[in-house]
Amino acid sequence: MHAIEVNLADHLEGHAVPVDTALIEQAVARILQNEGIAEAVELSVLITDDAHIHELNRNFRGVDAPTDVLSFGDTAEGGFVSAPGATHYLGDIAISYERALAQAAEYGHSEQRELAYLAAHGTLHLLGYDHERGPAAAAAMRTREEAAMAALNLTRL
């Protein structure tokens, strides 16, 4: 069983567009299933704002700008050390709520689809995919993201 925790930053409570945390969990679980991840893994997803994700991007990637999604995987040499039989820690994902809303409007689909898509994208990064490695790598990620969205009936309009 996968342990997927979705957290909404306190300052986002009460926004006009609610966050469907169950749908975000389903998107992450679908990626894990599609990628054949059978062992138990643990990861968290934080839905935050542009200011916070900007700070994370600057502090951890050296990029002084907000972004839509960041993934922080277990990159330690040899992996994160766990007790035998313990759930494997996969990493953390941060998603900008504001970027998700803007991108949903730009791409012409629902805010919930965009949040789920960004969670799927972040999960693929935790699994080692990287669209910045070139067009083939980007296409591989896009295919996997769209397959997960289709399985959840979150197709583009």
N, C-alpha and C. Protein backbone atom coordinates (compact mmCIF):
# COMPACT_ATOMS: atom_id res chain seq x y z
N MET A 1 0.84 -1.18 0.00
CA MET A 1 0.00 0.00 0.00
C MET A 1 0.88 1.24 0.00
N HIS A 2 0.50 2.20 -0.81
CA HIS A 2 1.24 3.44 -0.90
C HIS A 2 0.68 4.45 0.10
N ALA A 3 1.57 5.17 0.75
CA ALA A 3 1.17 6.23 1.67
C ALA A 3 1.35 7.56 0.96
N ILE A 4 0.25 8.17 0.57
CA ILE A 4 0.27 9.44 -0.16
C ILE A 4 -0.45 10.46 0.70
N GLU A 5 0.27 11.49 1.10
CA GLU A 5 -0.31 12.52 1.96
C GLU A 5 -0.36 13.83 1.18
N VAL A 6 -1.55 14.40 1.08
CA VAL A 6 -1.73 15.69 0.40
C VAL A 6 -2.07 16.73 1.46
N ASN A 7 -1.29 17.80 1.50
CA ASN A 7 -1.49 18.88 2.46
C ASN A 7 -1.77 20.18 1.74
N LEU A 8 -2.68 20.93 2.27
CA LEU A 8 -3.01 22.25 1.76
C LEU A 8 -2.42 23.27 2.71
N ALA A 9 -1.57 24.16 2.19
CA ALA A 9 -0.97 25.20 3.03
C ALA A 9 -2.08 26.01 3.72
N ASP A 10 -1.87 26.34 4.98
CA ASP A 10 -2.87 27.03 5.78
C ASP A 10 -3.40 28.29 5.10
N HIS A 11 -2.52 29.03 4.44
CA HIS A 11 -2.94 30.30 3.85
C HIS A 11 -3.82 30.12 2.60
N LEU A 12 -4.04 28.88 2.16
CA LEU A 12 -4.91 28.63 1.00
C LEU A 12 -6.32 28.22 1.41
N GLU A 13 -6.56 28.03 2.68
CA GLU A 13 -7.89 27.64 3.14
C GLU A 13 -8.91 28.70 2.72
N GLY A 14 -10.06 28.23 2.24
CA GLY A 14 -11.15 29.13 1.91
C GLY A 14 -11.06 29.77 0.54
N HIS A 15 -10.14 29.35 -0.33
CA HIS A 15 -10.07 29.91 -1.68
C HIS A 15 -11.28 29.47 -2.49
N ALA A 16 -11.57 30.21 -3.54
CA ALA A 16 -12.76 29.98 -4.35
C ALA A 16 -12.77 28.59 -4.99
N VAL A 17 -11.63 28.08 -5.40
CA VAL A 17 -11.55 26.78 -6.04
C VAL A 17 -11.02 25.79 -5.00
N PRO A 18 -11.89 24.88 -4.54
CA PRO A 18 -11.42 23.91 -3.54
C PRO A 18 -10.45 22.92 -4.17
N VAL A 19 -9.61 22.34 -3.35
CA VAL A 19 -8.64 21.36 -3.80
C VAL A 19 -9.18 19.97 -3.47
N ASP A 20 -9.32 19.14 -4.49
CA ASP A 20 -9.79 17.77 -4.33
C ASP A 20 -8.58 16.90 -4.01
N THR A 21 -8.28 16.77 -2.73
CA THR A 21 -7.08 16.03 -2.32
C THR A 21 -7.18 14.55 -2.70
N ALA A 22 -8.39 13.99 -2.69
CA ALA A 22 -8.55 12.58 -3.07
C ALA A 22 -8.17 12.38 -4.54
N LEU A 23 -8.50 13.33 -5.39
CA LEU A 23 -8.15 13.23 -6.81
C LEU A 23 -6.64 13.32 -7.00
N ILE A 24 -5.99 14.16 -6.24
CA ILE A 24 -4.52 14.27 -6.31
C ILE A 24 -3.90 12.95 -5.87
N GLU A 25 -4.41 12.35 -4.80
CA GLU A 25 -3.92 11.05 -4.37
C GLU A 25 -4.12 9.99 -5.45
N GLN A 26 -5.26 10.03 -6.12
CA GLN A 26 -5.54 9.08 -7.20
C GLN A 26 -4.58 9.25 -8.36
N ALA A 27 -4.24 10.49 -8.69
CA ALA A 27 -3.30 10.75 -9.79
C ALA A 27 -1.93 10.18 -9.46
N VAL A 28 -1.46 10.39 -8.24
CA VAL A 28 -0.17 9.85 -7.81
C VAL A 28 -0.21 8.33 -7.81
N ALA A 29 -1.28 7.77 -7.26
CA ALA A 29 -1.41 6.31 -7.21
C ALA A 29 -1.45 5.71 -8.61
N ARG A 30 -2.09 6.39 -9.55
CA ARG A 30 -2.18 5.89 -10.92
C ARG A 30 -0.80 5.87 -11.58
N ILE A 31 -0.01 6.90 -11.35
CA ILE A 31 1.36 6.91 -11.89
C ILE A 31 2.15 5.75 -11.30
N LEU A 32 2.06 5.57 -9.99
CA LEU A 32 2.80 4.48 -9.34
C LEU A 32 2.36 3.13 -9.90
N GLN A 33 1.07 2.96 -10.08
CA GLN A 33 0.55 1.70 -10.64
C GLN A 33 1.03 1.51 -12.07
N ASN A 34 0.89 2.54 -12.89
CA ASN A 34 1.30 2.45 -14.30
C ASN A 34 2.79 2.17 -14.44
N GLU A 35 3.58 2.64 -13.49
CA GLU A 35 5.03 2.43 -13.55
C GLU A 35 5.45 1.12 -12.88
N GLY A 36 4.48 0.35 -12.42
CA GLY A 36 4.77 -0.95 -11.84
C GLY A 36 5.40 -0.90 -10.47
N ILE A 37 5.15 0.17 -9.73
CA ILE A 37 5.68 0.30 -8.37
C ILE A 37 4.76 -0.49 -7.44
N ALA A 38 5.16 -1.70 -7.13
CA ALA A 38 4.33 -2.58 -6.31
C ALA A 38 4.67 -2.46 -4.83
N GLU A 39 5.94 -2.17 -4.51
CA GLU A 39 6.30 -2.07 -3.10
C GLU A 39 5.70 -0.80 -2.50
N ALA A 40 5.55 -0.83 -1.20
CA ALA A 40 4.98 0.32 -0.50
C ALA A 40 5.95 1.49 -0.57
N VAL A 41 5.44 2.65 -0.92
CA VAL A 41 6.23 3.88 -0.94
C VAL A 41 5.45 4.96 -0.20
N GLU A 42 6.19 5.94 0.25
CA GLU A 42 5.60 7.08 0.96
C GLU A 42 6.04 8.36 0.27
N LEU A 43 5.09 9.27 0.08
CA LEU A 43 5.42 10.59 -0.46
C LEU A 43 4.38 11.59 0.00
N SER A 44 4.75 12.86 -0.07
CA SER A 44 3.80 13.90 0.31
C SER A 44 3.69 14.93 -0.80
N VAL A 45 2.52 15.55 -0.85
CA VAL A 45 2.24 16.61 -1.82
C VAL A 45 1.77 17.82 -1.03
N LEU A 46 2.41 18.94 -1.23
CA LEU A 46 2.02 20.20 -0.61
C LEU A 46 1.46 21.13 -1.67
N ILE A 47 0.25 21.60 -1.47
CA ILE A 47 -0.34 22.62 -2.34
C ILE A 47 -0.09 23.95 -1.64
N THR A 48 0.65 24.83 -2.29
CA THR A 48 1.06 26.08 -1.68
C THR A 48 0.84 27.23 -2.66
N ASP A 49 1.42 28.39 -2.38
CA ASP A 49 1.23 29.55 -3.25
C ASP A 49 2.53 29.88 -3.99
N ASP A 50 2.43 30.86 -4.90
CA ASP A 50 3.59 31.27 -5.70
C ASP A 50 4.75 31.76 -4.84
N ALA A 51 4.45 32.50 -3.78
CA ALA A 51 5.52 33.05 -2.95
C ALA A 51 6.34 31.92 -2.31
N HIS A 52 5.66 30.92 -1.79
CA HIS A 52 6.37 29.82 -1.13
C HIS A 52 7.14 28.96 -2.14
N ILE A 53 6.52 28.66 -3.28
CA ILE A 53 7.22 27.83 -4.26
C ILE A 53 8.39 28.61 -4.88
N HIS A 54 8.24 29.93 -4.97
CA HIS A 54 9.34 30.78 -5.44
C HIS A 54 10.53 30.64 -4.48
N GLU A 55 10.24 30.71 -3.19
CA GLU A 55 11.30 30.56 -2.18
C GLU A 55 11.97 29.18 -2.27
N LEU A 56 11.17 28.15 -2.42
CA LEU A 56 11.72 26.79 -2.55
C LEU A 56 12.58 26.67 -3.81
N ASN A 57 12.09 27.21 -4.90
CA ASN A 57 12.83 27.15 -6.17
C ASN A 57 14.17 27.88 -6.07
N ARG A 58 14.15 29.03 -5.41
CA ARG A 58 15.38 29.81 -5.23
C ARG A 58 16.35 29.09 -4.30
N ASN A 59 15.85 28.59 -3.20
CA ASN A 59 16.72 27.97 -2.20
C ASN A 59 17.29 26.62 -2.63
N PHE A 60 16.51 25.83 -3.36
CA PHE A 60 16.94 24.47 -3.67
C PHE A 60 17.41 24.27 -5.11
N ARG A 61 16.99 25.16 -6.03
CA ARG A 61 17.41 25.01 -7.42
C ARG A 61 18.21 26.20 -7.93
N GLY A 62 18.27 27.26 -7.14
CA GLY A 62 18.98 28.45 -7.58
C GLY A 62 18.25 29.23 -8.65
N VAL A 63 16.94 29.01 -8.78
CA VAL A 63 16.12 29.70 -9.78
C VAL A 63 15.23 30.69 -9.05
N ASP A 64 15.44 31.97 -9.31
CA ASP A 64 14.74 33.04 -8.59
C ASP A 64 13.43 33.39 -9.29
N ALA A 65 12.50 32.43 -9.30
CA ALA A 65 11.20 32.61 -9.94
C ALA A 65 10.25 31.55 -9.42
N PRO A 66 8.96 31.84 -9.45
CA PRO A 66 8.01 30.79 -9.10
C PRO A 66 7.94 29.76 -10.22
N THR A 67 7.41 28.60 -9.93
CA THR A 67 7.21 27.55 -10.92
C THR A 67 5.93 26.81 -10.56
N ASP A 68 5.52 25.87 -11.39
CA ASP A 68 4.27 25.18 -11.12
C ASP A 68 4.41 24.00 -10.16
N VAL A 69 5.50 23.24 -10.29
CA VAL A 69 5.67 22.05 -9.45
C VAL A 69 7.16 21.80 -9.21
N LEU A 70 7.48 21.37 -8.00
CA LEU A 70 8.84 20.97 -7.64
C LEU A 70 8.78 19.60 -7.00
N SER A 71 9.80 18.79 -7.27
CA SER A 71 9.90 17.47 -6.66
C SER A 71 11.22 17.37 -5.92
N PHE A 72 11.14 16.83 -4.73
CA PHE A 72 12.33 16.65 -3.89
C PHE A 72 12.43 15.17 -3.56
N GLY A 73 13.24 14.47 -4.33
CA GLY A 73 13.35 13.04 -4.16
C GLY A 73 14.49 12.65 -3.24
N ASP A 74 14.53 11.37 -2.97
CA ASP A 74 15.60 10.77 -2.18
C ASP A 74 16.81 10.65 -3.08
N THR A 75 17.69 11.65 -3.03
CA THR A 75 18.85 11.67 -3.92
C THR A 75 20.14 11.35 -3.20
N ALA A 76 20.05 10.96 -1.96
CA ALA A 76 21.27 10.63 -1.21
C ALA A 76 21.96 9.43 -1.83
N GLU A 77 23.27 9.42 -1.80
CA GLU A 77 24.04 8.30 -2.32
C GLU A 77 23.59 7.01 -1.64
N GLY A 78 23.17 6.04 -2.44
CA GLY A 78 22.72 4.78 -1.89
C GLY A 78 21.28 4.81 -1.41
N GLY A 79 20.61 5.94 -1.48
CA GLY A 79 19.22 6.03 -1.09
C GLY A 79 19.03 6.27 0.39
N PHE A 80 17.83 6.62 0.75
CA PHE A 80 17.46 6.88 2.13
C PHE A 80 17.51 5.56 2.90
N VAL A 81 18.13 5.56 4.03
CA VAL A 81 18.27 4.35 4.82
C VAL A 81 17.01 4.13 5.64
N SER A 82 16.40 2.96 5.48
CA SER A 82 15.19 2.61 6.21
C SER A 82 15.40 1.30 6.94
N ALA A 83 14.60 1.08 7.94
CA ALA A 83 14.62 -0.21 8.64
C ALA A 83 14.10 -1.28 7.69
N PRO A 84 14.61 -2.49 7.82
CA PRO A 84 14.12 -3.58 6.97
C PRO A 84 12.60 -3.71 7.08
N GLY A 85 11.95 -3.82 5.94
CA GLY A 85 10.50 -3.94 5.91
C GLY A 85 9.74 -2.63 6.01
N ALA A 86 10.45 -1.53 6.21
CA ALA A 86 9.78 -0.23 6.32
C ALA A 86 9.39 0.28 4.93
N THR A 87 8.42 1.15 4.92
CA THR A 87 7.97 1.77 3.68
C THR A 87 9.08 2.66 3.12
N HIS A 88 9.32 2.56 1.80
CA HIS A 88 10.35 3.36 1.14
C HIS A 88 9.86 4.80 0.99
N TYR A 89 10.67 5.75 1.47
CA TYR A 89 10.37 7.18 1.31
C TYR A 89 10.76 7.58 -0.11
N LEU A 90 9.78 8.02 -0.91
CA LEU A 90 10.04 8.40 -2.30
C LEU A 90 10.39 9.88 -2.42
N GLY A 91 9.73 10.75 -1.65
CA GLY A 91 10.05 12.17 -1.70
C GLY A 91 8.85 13.05 -1.46
N ASP A 92 9.04 14.34 -1.79
CA ASP A 92 8.02 15.36 -1.58
C ASP A 92 7.79 16.15 -2.86
N ILE A 93 6.56 16.57 -3.04
CA ILE A 93 6.16 17.38 -4.20
C ILE A 93 5.53 18.65 -3.67
N ALA A 94 5.86 19.78 -4.27
CA ALA A 94 5.21 21.06 -3.95
C ALA A 94 4.57 21.59 -5.22
N ILE A 95 3.32 21.98 -5.14
CA ILE A 95 2.57 22.49 -6.29
C ILE A 95 2.07 23.90 -5.96
N SER A 96 2.24 24.81 -6.91
CA SER A 96 1.72 26.16 -6.75
C SER A 96 0.25 26.18 -7.16
N TYR A 97 -0.59 26.47 -6.21
CA TYR A 97 -2.03 26.59 -6.44
C TYR A 97 -2.30 27.68 -7.48
N GLU A 98 -1.62 28.80 -7.34
CA GLU A 98 -1.84 29.93 -8.27
C GLU A 98 -1.42 29.58 -9.69
N ARG A 99 -0.28 28.91 -9.85
CA ARG A 99 0.17 28.48 -11.18
C ARG A 99 -0.81 27.48 -11.77
N ALA A 100 -1.31 26.56 -10.93
CA ALA A 100 -2.26 25.56 -11.41
C ALA A 100 -3.53 26.23 -11.94
N LEU A 101 -4.05 27.22 -11.21
CA LEU A 101 -5.25 27.92 -11.67
C LEU A 101 -5.00 28.65 -12.98
N ALA A 102 -3.86 29.33 -13.08
CA ALA A 102 -3.53 30.07 -14.30
C ALA A 102 -3.34 29.13 -15.48
N GLN A 103 -2.66 28.02 -15.26
CA GLN A 103 -2.40 27.07 -16.35
C GLN A 103 -3.69 26.37 -16.78
N ALA A 104 -4.59 26.09 -15.86
CA ALA A 104 -5.87 25.49 -16.23
C ALA A 104 -6.63 26.42 -17.17
N ALA A 105 -6.64 27.71 -16.84
CA ALA A 105 -7.30 28.68 -17.71
C ALA A 105 -6.61 28.76 -19.06
N GLU A 106 -5.28 28.77 -19.04
CA GLU A 106 -4.51 28.86 -20.29
C GLU A 106 -4.74 27.65 -21.18
N TYR A 107 -4.79 26.46 -20.60
CA TYR A 107 -4.93 25.23 -21.38
C TYR A 107 -6.38 24.83 -21.62
N GLY A 108 -7.31 25.52 -20.98
CA GLY A 108 -8.72 25.28 -21.21
C GLY A 108 -9.27 24.01 -20.59
N HIS A 109 -8.79 23.66 -19.42
CA HIS A 109 -9.37 22.53 -18.71
C HIS A 109 -9.57 22.90 -17.24
N SER A 110 -10.11 21.97 -16.47
CA SER A 110 -10.47 22.28 -15.09
C SER A 110 -9.25 22.45 -14.20
N GLU A 111 -9.48 23.19 -13.13
CA GLU A 111 -8.41 23.38 -12.14
C GLU A 111 -8.04 22.06 -11.49
N GLN A 112 -9.04 21.20 -11.27
CA GLN A 112 -8.77 19.90 -10.65
C GLN A 112 -7.88 19.04 -11.55
N ARG A 113 -8.13 19.09 -12.88
CA ARG A 113 -7.29 18.33 -13.79
C ARG A 113 -5.85 18.84 -13.72
N GLU A 114 -5.68 20.14 -13.69
CA GLU A 114 -4.33 20.70 -13.66
C GLU A 114 -3.60 20.32 -12.37
N LEU A 115 -4.28 20.37 -11.25
CA LEU A 115 -3.65 19.97 -9.99
C LEU A 115 -3.27 18.49 -10.03
N ALA A 116 -4.15 17.64 -10.54
CA ALA A 116 -3.85 16.21 -10.66
C ALA A 116 -2.69 15.98 -11.63
N TYR A 117 -2.69 16.71 -12.74
CA TYR A 117 -1.62 16.59 -13.73
C TYR A 117 -0.27 16.97 -13.13
N LEU A 118 -0.23 18.06 -12.39
CA LEU A 118 1.02 18.49 -11.77
C LEU A 118 1.49 17.48 -10.72
N ALA A 119 0.56 16.86 -10.01
CA ALA A 119 0.93 15.82 -9.06
C ALA A 119 1.52 14.61 -9.79
N ALA A 120 0.92 14.25 -10.92
CA ALA A 120 1.44 13.14 -11.74
C ALA A 120 2.84 13.49 -12.25
N HIS A 121 2.99 14.71 -12.73
CA HIS A 121 4.28 15.18 -13.25
C HIS A 121 5.36 15.11 -12.16
N GLY A 122 5.02 15.62 -10.99
CA GLY A 122 5.97 15.60 -9.88
C GLY A 122 6.34 14.18 -9.47
N THR A 123 5.36 13.28 -9.49
CA THR A 123 5.62 11.88 -9.15
C THR A 123 6.59 11.24 -10.14
N LEU A 124 6.40 11.54 -11.41
CA LEU A 124 7.32 11.00 -12.42
C LEU A 124 8.74 11.50 -12.18
N HIS A 125 8.88 12.76 -11.77
CA HIS A 125 10.21 13.27 -11.42
C HIS A 125 10.80 12.47 -10.26
N LEU A 126 9.99 12.15 -9.26
CA LEU A 126 10.48 11.37 -8.13
C LEU A 126 10.93 9.97 -8.57
N LEU A 127 10.35 9.49 -9.66
CA LEU A 127 10.71 8.17 -10.18
C LEU A 127 11.88 8.22 -11.16
N GLY A 128 12.44 9.42 -11.35
CA GLY A 128 13.64 9.55 -12.18
C GLY A 128 13.44 10.10 -13.57
N TYR A 129 12.22 10.41 -13.95
CA TYR A 129 11.98 11.01 -15.26
C TYR A 129 12.37 12.49 -15.22
N ASP A 130 12.88 12.99 -16.34
CA ASP A 130 13.29 14.40 -16.40
C ASP A 130 13.11 14.93 -17.81
N HIS A 131 12.09 15.76 -18.01
CA HIS A 131 11.79 16.34 -19.32
C HIS A 131 12.89 17.26 -19.82
N GLU A 132 13.75 17.73 -18.93
CA GLU A 132 14.82 18.64 -19.34
C GLU A 132 15.98 17.91 -20.02
N ARG A 133 15.92 16.60 -20.10
CA ARG A 133 16.97 15.82 -20.78
C ARG A 133 16.81 15.81 -22.29
N GLY A 134 15.74 16.41 -22.78
CA GLY A 134 15.56 16.50 -24.22
C GLY A 134 14.16 16.11 -24.66
N PRO A 135 13.90 16.25 -25.97
CA PRO A 135 12.55 16.00 -26.50
C PRO A 135 12.04 14.58 -26.26
N ALA A 136 12.88 13.59 -26.37
CA ALA A 136 12.44 12.21 -26.16
C ALA A 136 12.03 11.98 -24.71
N ALA A 137 12.80 12.54 -23.78
CA ALA A 137 12.47 12.40 -22.36
C ALA A 137 11.19 13.15 -22.04
N ALA A 138 11.02 14.32 -22.64
CA ALA A 138 9.80 15.11 -22.42
C ALA A 138 8.58 14.36 -22.97
N ALA A 139 8.73 13.76 -24.14
CA ALA A 139 7.63 13.00 -24.74
C ALA A 139 7.27 11.78 -23.89
N ALA A 140 8.28 11.12 -23.32
CA ALA A 140 8.03 9.96 -22.47
C ALA A 140 7.22 10.37 -21.24
N MET A 141 7.59 11.50 -20.66
CA MET A 141 6.84 11.98 -19.49
C MET A 141 5.41 12.34 -19.89
N ARG A 142 5.26 13.06 -20.98
CA ARG A 142 3.93 13.51 -21.42
C ARG A 142 3.01 12.31 -21.67
N THR A 143 3.53 11.28 -22.30
CA THR A 143 2.74 10.07 -22.56
C THR A 143 2.25 9.46 -21.26
N ARG A 144 3.12 9.36 -20.27
CA ARG A 144 2.75 8.78 -18.98
C ARG A 144 1.76 9.66 -18.22
N GLU A 145 1.97 10.97 -18.28
CA GLU A 145 1.05 11.90 -17.61
C GLU A 145 -0.35 11.80 -18.22
N GLU A 146 -0.42 11.80 -19.54
CA GLU A 146 -1.71 11.76 -20.22
C GLU A 146 -2.41 10.42 -20.01
N ALA A 147 -1.64 9.33 -19.93
CA ALA A 147 -2.24 8.02 -19.66
C ALA A 147 -2.89 8.01 -18.28
N ALA A 148 -2.22 8.60 -17.30
CA ALA A 148 -2.79 8.69 -15.95
C ALA A 148 -4.04 9.55 -15.95
N MET A 149 -4.02 10.67 -16.65
CA MET A 149 -5.19 11.55 -16.70
C MET A 149 -6.36 10.85 -17.38
N ALA A 150 -6.09 10.13 -18.47
CA ALA A 150 -7.15 9.41 -19.17
C ALA A 150 -7.77 8.34 -18.28
N ALA A 151 -6.95 7.63 -17.52
CA ALA A 151 -7.44 6.58 -16.61
C ALA A 151 -8.36 7.18 -15.54
N LEU A 152 -8.13 8.44 -15.19
CA LEU A 152 -8.95 9.12 -14.19
C LEU A 152 -10.10 9.93 -14.83
N ASN A 153 -10.24 9.77 -16.15
CA ASN A 153 -11.26 10.49 -16.92
C ASN A 153 -11.08 12.00 -16.79
N LEU A 154 -9.82 12.44 -16.82
CA LEU A 154 -9.49 13.86 -16.75
C LEU A 154 -8.87 14.30 -18.07
N THR A 155 -9.59 14.08 -19.15
CA THR A 155 -9.07 14.42 -20.46
C THR A 155 -9.14 15.92 -20.68
N ARG A 156 -8.37 16.36 -21.65
CA ARG A 156 -8.41 17.78 -22.02
C ARG A 156 -9.73 18.07 -22.71
N LEU A 157 -10.18 19.29 -22.59
CA LEU A 157 -11.44 19.69 -23.24
C LEU A 157 -11.24 19.95 -24.70
